[in-house]
Structure formats: structure tokens, C-alpha cells
Amino acid sequence: MSDAFAILILVIGVAGFFFIFRALRVHDPRRDEDAARAFYDEHGHWPDQSPEEAEAERRELARVYRP
């Protein structure tokens, strides 16, 4: 009986490990960040910004950080 319990615990542990490993691979936050950076490189603004908002932010930063 204790052997069956040990095997059951082992199976549950292995299944839990694979579930956690798969969840971490699928929901990698760096993947979203890399996609946002690629969008910025291509379009010149972040995905959640309009081009007008990005231009206003650039003007404000240029005003503040003038040498």
C-alpha cells in the first residue's frame, strides 16, 4: 500500500512540475516586452501610445533635457 502511495505522490509531483514549467514558458513576460520593443523600433512609439502622444512626449523631454 505504501508503494502505491509513493508512486501516486511521484506522479502528482512530476505532473505538477511539467504544468509549472509549461505555464512559465507560455506566459513569459519578456516575450511581450520584446514584442513592444520591436514595435517601437519599427514605428517610433510604444504600442499603447498614439503617434501624437509620442511626439508630445518627445517635445516635453527635449524641453526638459536641453543642454
N, C-alpha and C. Protein backbone atom coordinates (compact mmCIF):
# COMPACT_ATOMS: atom_id res chain seq x y z
N MET A 1 0.83 -1.20 0.00
CA MET A 1 0.00 0.00 0.00
C MET A 1 0.87 1.26 0.00
N SER A 2 1.95 1.25 0.77
CA SER A 2 2.79 2.44 0.83
C SER A 2 3.52 2.66 -0.50
N ASP A 3 3.80 1.57 -1.25
CA ASP A 3 4.42 1.73 -2.56
C ASP A 3 3.47 2.43 -3.53
N ALA A 4 2.20 2.09 -3.48
CA ALA A 4 1.21 2.72 -4.35
C ALA A 4 1.09 4.21 -4.00
N PHE A 5 1.13 4.53 -2.72
CA PHE A 5 1.05 5.92 -2.29
C PHE A 5 2.28 6.70 -2.76
N ALA A 6 3.44 6.10 -2.68
CA ALA A 6 4.68 6.75 -3.12
C ALA A 6 4.65 6.98 -4.63
N ILE A 7 4.16 6.03 -5.38
CA ILE A 7 4.05 6.19 -6.83
C ILE A 7 3.06 7.29 -7.17
N LEU A 8 1.93 7.33 -6.45
CA LEU A 8 0.94 8.38 -6.68
C LEU A 8 1.54 9.76 -6.40
N ILE A 9 2.26 9.91 -5.30
CA ILE A 9 2.90 11.18 -4.97
C ILE A 9 3.93 11.55 -6.03
N LEU A 10 4.67 10.59 -6.52
CA LEU A 10 5.66 10.84 -7.57
C LEU A 10 4.98 11.31 -8.86
N VAL A 11 3.91 10.67 -9.25
CA VAL A 11 3.18 11.05 -10.47
C VAL A 11 2.62 12.46 -10.32
N ILE A 12 2.04 12.77 -9.18
CA ILE A 12 1.49 14.10 -8.95
C ILE A 12 2.61 15.14 -8.98
N GLY A 13 3.74 14.84 -8.39
CA GLY A 13 4.87 15.77 -8.39
C GLY A 13 5.41 16.03 -9.78
N VAL A 14 5.56 14.97 -10.58
CA VAL A 14 6.07 15.13 -11.95
C VAL A 14 5.06 15.91 -12.79
N ALA A 15 3.78 15.59 -12.66
CA ALA A 15 2.76 16.32 -13.41
C ALA A 15 2.74 17.79 -13.00
N GLY A 16 2.88 18.07 -11.71
CA GLY A 16 2.93 19.46 -11.25
C GLY A 16 4.14 20.20 -11.78
N PHE A 17 5.28 19.52 -11.81
CA PHE A 17 6.49 20.14 -12.35
C PHE A 17 6.29 20.51 -13.82
N PHE A 18 5.77 19.59 -14.62
CA PHE A 18 5.56 19.89 -16.03
C PHE A 18 4.51 20.97 -16.23
N PHE A 19 3.49 21.02 -15.41
CA PHE A 19 2.48 22.07 -15.50
C PHE A 19 3.11 23.44 -15.23
N ILE A 20 3.91 23.53 -14.17
CA ILE A 20 4.56 24.80 -13.83
C ILE A 20 5.54 25.20 -14.92
N PHE A 21 6.33 24.25 -15.40
CA PHE A 21 7.30 24.53 -16.45
C PHE A 21 6.61 25.04 -17.72
N ARG A 22 5.53 24.40 -18.11
CA ARG A 22 4.79 24.81 -19.30
C ARG A 22 4.15 26.19 -19.11
N ALA A 23 3.60 26.43 -17.93
CA ALA A 23 2.98 27.73 -17.66
C ALA A 23 4.01 28.85 -17.71
N LEU A 24 5.20 28.60 -17.21
CA LEU A 24 6.24 29.62 -17.25
C LEU A 24 6.72 29.88 -18.68
N ARG A 25 6.76 28.85 -19.50
CA ARG A 25 7.20 29.04 -20.88
C ARG A 25 6.15 29.77 -21.71
N VAL A 26 4.90 29.48 -21.50
CA VAL A 26 3.82 30.08 -22.28
C VAL A 26 3.61 31.54 -21.89
N HIS A 27 3.69 31.85 -20.61
CA HIS A 27 3.39 33.19 -20.11
C HIS A 27 4.67 33.95 -19.75
N ASP A 28 5.63 33.95 -20.65
CA ASP A 28 6.89 34.63 -20.41
C ASP A 28 6.70 36.13 -20.63
N PRO A 29 6.83 36.95 -19.58
CA PRO A 29 6.61 38.40 -19.74
C PRO A 29 7.66 39.05 -20.64
N ARG A 30 8.83 38.44 -20.76
CA ARG A 30 9.86 39.02 -21.63
C ARG A 30 9.44 38.96 -23.08
N ARG A 31 8.63 38.00 -23.44
CA ARG A 31 8.16 37.89 -24.83
C ARG A 31 7.32 39.12 -25.20
N ASP A 32 6.45 39.55 -24.30
CA ASP A 32 5.63 40.74 -24.54
C ASP A 32 6.50 41.99 -24.61
N GLU A 33 7.50 42.06 -23.74
CA GLU A 33 8.40 43.21 -23.73
C GLU A 33 9.21 43.28 -25.02
N ASP A 34 9.69 42.14 -25.48
CA ASP A 34 10.45 42.12 -26.74
C ASP A 34 9.57 42.53 -27.92
N ALA A 35 8.33 42.10 -27.91
CA ALA A 35 7.41 42.49 -28.99
C ALA A 35 7.15 43.99 -28.96
N ALA A 36 7.01 44.56 -27.76
CA ALA A 36 6.78 46.00 -27.64
C ALA A 36 8.01 46.78 -28.12
N ARG A 37 9.21 46.30 -27.79
CA ARG A 37 10.43 46.97 -28.25
C ARG A 37 10.56 46.89 -29.77
N ALA A 38 10.22 45.76 -30.36
CA ALA A 38 10.26 45.63 -31.81
C ALA A 38 9.26 46.60 -32.45
N PHE A 39 8.08 46.74 -31.87
CA PHE A 39 7.08 47.68 -32.36
C PHE A 39 7.63 49.11 -32.29
N TYR A 40 8.29 49.45 -31.17
CA TYR A 40 8.86 50.78 -31.01
C TYR A 40 9.94 51.04 -32.07
N ASP A 41 10.80 50.05 -32.30
CA ASP A 41 11.85 50.22 -33.30
C ASP A 41 11.28 50.45 -34.69
N GLU A 42 10.17 49.80 -34.98
CA GLU A 42 9.58 49.91 -36.31
C GLU A 42 8.74 51.18 -36.48
N HIS A 43 7.99 51.57 -35.43
CA HIS A 43 7.02 52.66 -35.57
C HIS A 43 7.42 53.96 -34.87
N GLY A 44 8.36 53.90 -33.92
CA GLY A 44 8.79 55.11 -33.23
C GLY A 44 7.94 55.51 -32.05
N HIS A 45 7.00 54.66 -31.67
CA HIS A 45 6.21 54.90 -30.46
C HIS A 45 5.80 53.55 -29.89
N TRP A 46 5.42 53.56 -28.61
CA TRP A 46 5.03 52.31 -27.94
C TRP A 46 3.65 51.87 -28.42
N PRO A 47 3.34 50.59 -28.30
CA PRO A 47 2.04 50.09 -28.79
C PRO A 47 0.83 50.76 -28.13
N ASP A 48 0.96 51.20 -26.88
CA ASP A 48 -0.18 51.81 -26.21
C ASP A 48 -0.21 53.33 -26.36
N GLN A 49 0.64 53.89 -27.22
CA GLN A 49 0.67 55.32 -27.48
C GLN A 49 0.22 55.60 -28.90
N SER A 50 -0.39 56.75 -29.07
CA SER A 50 -0.66 57.21 -30.43
C SER A 50 0.58 57.97 -30.90
N PRO A 51 0.75 58.12 -32.20
CA PRO A 51 1.91 58.89 -32.69
C PRO A 51 1.91 60.33 -32.15
N GLU A 52 0.74 60.91 -31.97
CA GLU A 52 0.65 62.27 -31.44
C GLU A 52 1.13 62.33 -29.99
N GLU A 53 0.74 61.35 -29.19
CA GLU A 53 1.20 61.30 -27.80
C GLU A 53 2.71 61.13 -27.72
N ALA A 54 3.25 60.30 -28.59
CA ALA A 54 4.70 60.08 -28.60
C ALA A 54 5.43 61.36 -28.98
N GLU A 55 4.93 62.10 -29.96
CA GLU A 55 5.56 63.34 -30.38
C GLU A 55 5.49 64.39 -29.26
N ALA A 56 4.37 64.47 -28.56
CA ALA A 56 4.24 65.41 -27.44
C ALA A 56 5.22 65.04 -26.32
N GLU A 57 5.39 63.76 -26.07
CA GLU A 57 6.35 63.32 -25.05
C GLU A 57 7.78 63.66 -25.46
N ARG A 58 8.11 63.47 -26.74
CA ARG A 58 9.45 63.83 -27.23
C ARG A 58 9.71 65.33 -27.08
N ARG A 59 8.72 66.16 -27.42
CA ARG A 59 8.89 67.61 -27.27
C ARG A 59 9.10 67.99 -25.81
N GLU A 60 8.34 67.40 -24.92
CA GLU A 60 8.47 67.69 -23.48
C GLU A 60 9.84 67.27 -22.97
N LEU A 61 10.31 66.10 -23.37
CA LEU A 61 11.62 65.64 -22.93
C LEU A 61 12.73 66.51 -23.51
N ALA A 62 12.58 66.93 -24.75
CA ALA A 62 13.59 67.81 -25.37
C ALA A 62 13.63 69.16 -24.64
N ARG A 63 12.49 69.63 -24.19
CA ARG A 63 12.43 70.90 -23.46
C ARG A 63 13.12 70.77 -22.11
N VAL A 64 12.91 69.65 -21.45
CA VAL A 64 13.46 69.46 -20.10
C VAL A 64 14.96 69.17 -20.17
N TYR A 65 15.40 68.40 -21.12
CA TYR A 65 16.79 67.96 -21.17
C TYR A 65 17.63 68.72 -22.18
N ARG A 66 17.38 69.98 -22.36
CA ARG A 66 18.22 70.80 -23.26
C ARG A 66 19.58 71.01 -22.63
N PRO A 67 20.65 70.84 -23.42
CA PRO A 67 22.00 71.03 -22.88
C PRO A 67 22.35 72.49 -22.67
